C-alpha atoms as a PDB file:
ATOM      1  CA  MET A   1       0.000   0.000   0.000  1.00  0.00           C
ATOM      2  CA  THR A   2       1.450   3.340  -1.032  1.00  0.00           C
ATOM      3  CA  GLY A   3       0.569   6.585   0.696  1.00  0.00           C
ATOM      4  CA  GLN A   4      -0.111   8.390  -2.583  1.00  0.00           C
ATOM      5  CA  GLN A   5      -2.825   6.087  -3.913  1.00  0.00           C
ATOM      6  CA  ALA A   6      -6.476   6.106  -2.789  1.00  0.00           C
ATOM      7  CA  TYR A   7      -7.996   2.869  -1.485  1.00  0.00           C
ATOM      8  CA  TRP A   8     -11.358   1.766  -0.141  1.00  0.00           C
ATOM      9  CA  PHE A   9     -10.797   1.535   3.620  1.00  0.00           C
ATOM     10  CA  VAL A  10     -13.124  -0.293   5.982  1.00  0.00           C
ATOM     11  CA  ALA A  11     -14.278   1.724   8.984  1.00  0.00           C
ATOM     12  CA  LYS A  12     -16.198   0.325  11.946  1.00  0.00           C
ATOM     13  CA  THR A  13     -18.852   2.557  13.484  1.00  0.00           C
ATOM     14  CA  ARG A  14     -21.145   2.164  16.431  1.00  0.00           C
ATOM     15  CA  HIS A  15     -24.497   0.541  15.714  1.00  0.00           C
ATOM     16  CA  GLY A  16     -26.902   2.959  14.037  1.00  0.00           C
ATOM     17  CA  ALA A  17     -24.233   5.517  13.088  1.00  0.00           C
ATOM     18  CA  GLU A  18     -23.474   4.152   9.586  1.00  0.00           C
ATOM     19  CA  LEU A  19     -25.623   6.588   7.603  1.00  0.00           C
ATOM     20  CA  GLY A  20     -24.546   9.570   9.704  1.00  0.00           C
ATOM     21  CA  VAL A  21     -20.858   8.777   9.161  1.00  0.00           C
ATOM     22  CA  ARG A  22     -21.501   8.271   5.429  1.00  0.00           C
ATOM     23  CA  ASP A  23     -23.298  11.638   5.194  1.00  0.00           C
ATOM     24  CA  ARG A  24     -20.525  13.402   7.115  1.00  0.00           C
ATOM     25  CA  LEU A  25     -17.881  11.905   4.786  1.00  0.00           C
ATOM     26  CA  THR A  26     -19.912  13.106   1.787  1.00  0.00           C
ATOM     27  CA  ARG A  27     -20.044  16.644   3.241  1.00  0.00           C
ATOM     28  CA  LEU A  28     -16.252  16.501   3.662  1.00  0.00           C
ATOM     29  CA  GLY A  29     -15.906  15.531  -0.027  1.00  0.00           C
ATOM     30  CA  VAL A  30     -14.849  11.919   0.627  1.00  0.00           C
ATOM     31  CA  GLU A  31     -16.317   9.135  -1.493  1.00  0.00           C
ATOM     32  CA  SER A  32     -18.008   6.597   0.757  1.00  0.00           C
ATOM     33  CA  PHE A  33     -20.318   3.615   0.514  1.00  0.00           C
ATOM     34  CA  VAL A  34     -22.762   1.921   2.848  1.00  0.00           C
ATOM     35  CA  PRO A  35     -24.825  -0.911   1.347  1.00  0.00           C
ATOM     36  CA  THR A  36     -28.451   0.062   1.992  1.00  0.00           C
ATOM     37  CA  ARG A  37     -31.986  -0.840   1.080  1.00  0.00           C
ATOM     38  CA  THR A  38     -35.098   1.289   1.077  1.00  0.00           C
ATOM     39  CA  ARG A  39     -38.172  -0.027   2.823  1.00  0.00           C
ATOM     40  CA  ARG A  40     -41.486   1.303   4.005  1.00  0.00           C
ATOM     41  CA  ALA A  41     -41.459   2.363   7.630  1.00  0.00           C
ATOM     42  CA  SER A  42     -43.445   0.159   9.990  1.00  0.00           C
ATOM     43  CA  ARG A  43     -45.893   2.994  10.627  1.00  0.00           C
ATOM     44  CA  GLY A  44     -47.028   5.295   7.894  1.00  0.00           C
ATOM     45  CA  ARG A  45     -46.117   5.725   4.274  1.00  0.00           C
ATOM     46  CA  LYS A  46     -42.616   7.050   4.717  1.00  0.00           C
ATOM     47  CA  MET A  47     -39.761   5.220   2.986  1.00  0.00           C
ATOM     48  CA  VAL A  48     -36.631   4.783   5.102  1.00  0.00           C
ATOM     49  CA  GLU A  49     -33.086   3.856   4.154  1.00  0.00           C
ATOM     50  CA  GLU A  50     -31.474   1.176   6.278  1.00  0.00           C
ATOM     51  CA  PRO A  51     -27.958  -0.297   6.121  1.00  0.00           C
ATOM     52  CA  LEU A  52     -27.551  -3.892   4.994  1.00  0.00           C
ATOM     53  CA  LEU A  53     -24.315  -4.126   6.999  1.00  0.00           C
ATOM     54  CA  THR A  54     -24.428  -2.811  10.512  1.00  0.00           C
ATOM     55  CA  CYS A  55     -21.428  -0.987  11.936  1.00  0.00           C
ATOM     56  CA  PHE A  56     -19.433  -0.675   8.668  1.00  0.00           C
ATOM     57  CA  VAL A  57     -18.693   2.169   6.254  1.00  0.00           C
ATOM     58  CA  PHE A  58     -16.366   2.010   3.257  1.00  0.00           C
ATOM     59  CA  MET A  59     -14.452   5.182   2.380  1.00  0.00           C
ATOM     60  CA  ARG A  60     -12.115   5.897  -0.512  1.00  0.00           C
ATOM     61  CA  ALA A  61      -9.102   7.957   0.491  1.00  0.00           C
ATOM     62  CA  LYS A  62      -5.337   7.980   0.701  1.00  0.00           C
ATOM     63  CA  LYS A  63      -3.944   6.337   3.828  1.00  0.00           C
ATOM     64  CA  GLN A  64      -3.013   9.594   5.600  1.00  0.00           C
ATOM     65  CA  GLU A  65      -6.348  11.186   4.649  1.00  0.00           C
ATOM     66  CA  ALA A  66      -8.239   8.212   6.085  1.00  0.00           C
ATOM     67  CA  LEU A  67      -6.290   8.400   9.358  1.00  0.00           C
ATOM     68  CA  SER A  68      -6.806  12.169   9.487  1.00  0.00           C
ATOM     69  CA  LEU A  69     -10.547  11.829   8.918  1.00  0.00           C
ATOM     70  CA  ILE A  70     -10.849   9.512  11.899  1.00  0.00           C
ATOM     71  CA  HIS A  71      -8.610  11.427  14.305  1.00  0.00           C
ATOM     72  CA  ASP A  72      -8.873  15.095  13.288  1.00  0.00           C
ATOM     73  CA  TYR A  73     -12.528  15.284  12.208  1.00  0.00           C
ATOM     74  CA  GLY A  74     -13.905  13.200  15.048  1.00  0.00           C
ATOM     75  CA  LEU A  75     -15.832  10.659  13.010  1.00  0.00           C
ATOM     76  CA  ASN A  76     -17.556   8.031  15.123  1.00  0.00           C
ATOM     77  CA  ALA A  77     -15.533   5.311  13.395  1.00  0.00           C
ATOM     78  CA  ASP A  78     -12.257   3.406  13.574  1.00  0.00           C
ATOM     79  CA  LEU A  79     -10.322   1.968  10.672  1.00  0.00           C
ATOM     80  CA  VAL A  80     -10.274  -1.827  10.699  1.00  0.00           C
ATOM     81  CA  ASN A  81      -7.008  -3.804  10.750  1.00  0.00           C
ATOM     82  CA  ASP A  82      -6.595  -7.072   8.852  1.00  0.00           C
ATOM     83  CA  CYS A  83      -6.041  -9.772  11.492  1.00  0.00           C
ATOM     84  CA  ALA A  84      -3.558 -11.690   9.308  1.00  0.00           C
ATOM     85  CA  THR A  85      -1.284  -8.821   8.255  1.00  0.00           C
ATOM     86  CA  HIS A  86      -1.945  -6.320  11.068  1.00  0.00           C
ATOM     87  CA  GLN A  87      -2.238  -3.624   8.364  1.00  0.00           C
ATOM     88  CA  LEU A  88      -5.212  -1.382   7.641  1.00  0.00           C
ATOM     89  CA  MET A  89      -7.875  -3.362   5.799  1.00  0.00           C
ATOM     90  CA  PHE A  90      -8.651  -2.071   2.332  1.00  0.00           C
ATOM     91  CA  VAL A  91     -10.638  -3.248  -0.675  1.00  0.00           C
ATOM     92  CA  PRO A  92      -9.292  -3.075  -4.259  1.00  0.00           C
ATOM     93  CA  ASP A  93     -11.218  -0.746  -6.570  1.00  0.00           C
ATOM     94  CA  LYS A  94     -12.326  -3.559  -8.923  1.00  0.00           C
ATOM     95  CA  SER A  95     -13.724  -5.630  -6.054  1.00  0.00           C
ATOM     96  CA  MET A  96     -15.634  -2.660  -4.631  1.00  0.00           C
ATOM     97  CA  GLU A  97     -16.991  -1.703  -8.056  1.00  0.00           C
ATOM     98  CA  ASP A  98     -18.203  -5.268  -8.723  1.00  0.00           C
ATOM     99  CA  PHE A  99     -19.759  -5.519  -5.255  1.00  0.00           C
ATOM    100  CA  ARG A 100     -21.623  -2.211  -5.661  1.00  0.00           C
ATOM    101  CA  ARG A 101     -22.879  -3.072  -9.136  1.00  0.00           C
ATOM    102  CA  VAL A 102     -24.194  -6.457  -8.034  1.00  0.00           C
ATOM    103  CA  LEU A 103     -25.978  -4.927  -5.033  1.00  0.00           C
ATOM    104  CA  GLU A 104     -27.660  -2.367  -7.299  1.00  0.00           C
ATOM    105  CA  ALA A 105     -28.624  -4.809 -10.067  1.00  0.00           C
ATOM    106  CA  SER A 106     -31.895  -6.584 -10.495  1.00  0.00           C
ATOM    107  CA  ILE A 107     -31.854  -8.642 -13.638  1.00  0.00           C
ATOM    108  CA  GLU A 108     -34.934 -10.643 -14.572  1.00  0.00           C
ATOM    109  CA  GLU A 109     -34.277 -11.314 -18.280  1.00  0.00           C
ATOM    110  CA  GLY A 110     -33.815 -14.847 -19.491  1.00  0.00           C
ATOM    111  CA  GLY A 111     -31.311 -16.275 -21.916  1.00  0.00           C
ATOM    112  CA  LEU A 112     -30.389 -19.398 -23.793  1.00  0.00           C
ATOM    113  CA  VAL A 113     -28.501 -22.062 -21.891  1.00  0.00           C
ATOM    114  CA  ASP A 114     -25.699 -22.810 -24.288  1.00  0.00           C
ATOM    115  CA  LYS A 115     -22.803 -23.746 -22.031  1.00  0.00           C
ATOM    116  CA  PRO A 116     -22.705 -25.829 -18.872  1.00  0.00           C
ATOM    117  CA  LEU A 117     -21.274 -24.187 -15.759  1.00  0.00           C
ATOM    118  CA  ALA A 118     -20.611 -25.845 -12.432  1.00  0.00           C
ATOM    119  CA  VAL A 119     -21.920 -24.273  -9.237  1.00  0.00           C
ATOM    120  CA  GLY A 120     -19.119 -22.340  -7.579  1.00  0.00           C
ATOM    121  CA  GLU A 121     -17.178 -21.897 -10.820  1.00  0.00           C
ATOM    122  CA  ARG A 122     -15.433 -18.540 -11.358  1.00  0.00           C
ATOM    123  CA  VAL A 123     -17.201 -16.540 -14.110  1.00  0.00           C
ATOM    124  CA  ARG A 124     -17.388 -13.135 -15.790  1.00  0.00           C
ATOM    125  CA  VAL A 125     -20.637 -11.472 -16.917  1.00  0.00           C
ATOM    126  CA  ILE A 126     -20.385 -10.652 -20.644  1.00  0.00           C
ATOM    127  CA  GLN A 127     -23.695  -8.816 -21.263  1.00  0.00           C
ATOM    128  CA  GLY A 128     -26.148  -6.503 -19.566  1.00  0.00           C
ATOM    129  CA  VAL A 129     -25.688  -3.938 -16.836  1.00  0.00           C
ATOM    130  CA  LEU A 130     -23.236  -6.184 -14.991  1.00  0.00           C
ATOM    131  CA  LYS A 131     -20.914  -6.652 -17.982  1.00  0.00           C
ATOM    132  CA  GLY A 132     -17.353  -7.154 -16.703  1.00  0.00           C
ATOM    133  CA  VAL A 133     -18.300  -8.216 -13.164  1.00  0.00           C
ATOM    134  CA  GLU A 134     -16.432 -11.315 -11.975  1.00  0.00           C
ATOM    135  CA  GLY A 135     -17.767 -13.701  -9.354  1.00  0.00           C
ATOM    136  CA  ASN A 136     -18.912 -17.253  -8.739  1.00  0.00           C
ATOM    137  CA  VAL A 137     -21.946 -19.146 -10.032  1.00  0.00           C
ATOM    138  CA  LEU A 138     -24.742 -19.954  -7.606  1.00  0.00           C
ATOM    139  CA  GLU A 139     -27.879 -21.910  -8.440  1.00  0.00           C
ATOM    140  CA  LEU A 140     -30.744 -21.350  -6.051  1.00  0.00           C
ATOM    141  CA  GLN A 141     -34.265 -22.690  -6.617  1.00  0.00           C
ATOM    142  CA  GLY A 142     -33.513 -23.252 -10.286  1.00  0.00           C
ATOM    143  CA  ARG A 143     -32.244 -19.717 -10.889  1.00  0.00           C
ATOM    144  CA  ILE A 144     -28.683 -18.706 -11.736  1.00  0.00           C
ATOM    145  CA  TYR A 145     -26.914 -15.958  -9.787  1.00  0.00           C
ATOM    146  CA  VAL A 146     -23.487 -14.396  -9.911  1.00  0.00           C
ATOM    147  CA  VAL A 147     -22.070 -13.994  -6.396  1.00  0.00           C
ATOM    148  CA  VAL A 148     -19.436 -11.370  -5.631  1.00  0.00           C
ATOM    149  CA  GLY A 149     -17.461 -11.511  -2.406  1.00  0.00           C
ATOM    150  CA  LEU A 150     -15.792  -8.685  -0.541  1.00  0.00           C
ATOM    151  CA  LEU A 151     -13.081  -9.398   2.050  1.00  0.00           C
ATOM    152  CA  ASN A 152     -14.065 -13.092   2.064  1.00  0.00           C
ATOM    153  CA  CYS A 153     -16.943 -12.354   4.430  1.00  0.00           C
ATOM    154  CA  LEU A 154     -19.457 -10.102   2.609  1.00  0.00           C
ATOM    155  CA  TYR A 155     -21.337 -11.423  -0.402  1.00  0.00           C
ATOM    156  CA  ALA A 156     -23.820  -9.954  -2.872  1.00  0.00           C
ATOM    157  CA  ARG A 157     -25.730 -11.812  -5.548  1.00  0.00           C
ATOM    158  CA  ALA A 158     -27.628 -10.840  -8.678  1.00  0.00           C
ATOM    159  CA  ARG A 159     -29.715 -12.981 -10.981  1.00  0.00           C
ATOM    160  CA  VAL A 160     -28.063 -13.368 -14.370  1.00  0.00           C
ATOM    161  CA  PRO A 161     -29.006 -15.489 -17.392  1.00  0.00           C
ATOM    162  CA  ARG A 162     -26.604 -18.417 -17.744  1.00  0.00           C
ATOM    163  CA  ALA A 163     -25.916 -17.420 -21.365  1.00  0.00           C
ATOM    164  CA  TRP A 164     -24.427 -14.133 -20.125  1.00  0.00           C
ATOM    165  CA  LEU A 165     -21.654 -15.911 -18.179  1.00  0.00           C
ATOM    166  CA  GLU A 166     -18.247 -17.100 -19.328  1.00  0.00           C
ATOM    167  CA  ARG A 167     -15.568 -18.992 -17.418  1.00  0.00           C
ATOM    168  CA  VAL A 168     -12.635 -16.973 -16.145  1.00  0.00           C
END
């Protein structure tokens, strides 16, 4: 990790503070990401945004900027260390882009089944809004999904026609 390149750092927040930290980072001009979904509030007609991952915010910054944001700006967050390397945990740009695109996608189109793929096989999407995303094949209730992992512990899936997948 070089100090001059921006990375996606993982920050741990207290429960319920994810969206506030994300909004504060946005006001400071820092690109950030919290996987969310919108649902109808239990009472009334209001739609509310809720995090899919509790206690985590991803922010894209240079190493010194990330440390400065935590310490100098008083964010309610701490950067997460990788247990194996004892270095700050970060996510490569390609992995974060694929993860975000899969979370945002909802593909319902069908396609011809012209090549057999084994469940768990590494694939690349070659058509549609997810073109270029790499992940693994999952078959669930007769439907095919591409699954993208982040940090070997967070996973997102999107339904994709089998014909749109190629082996990597």
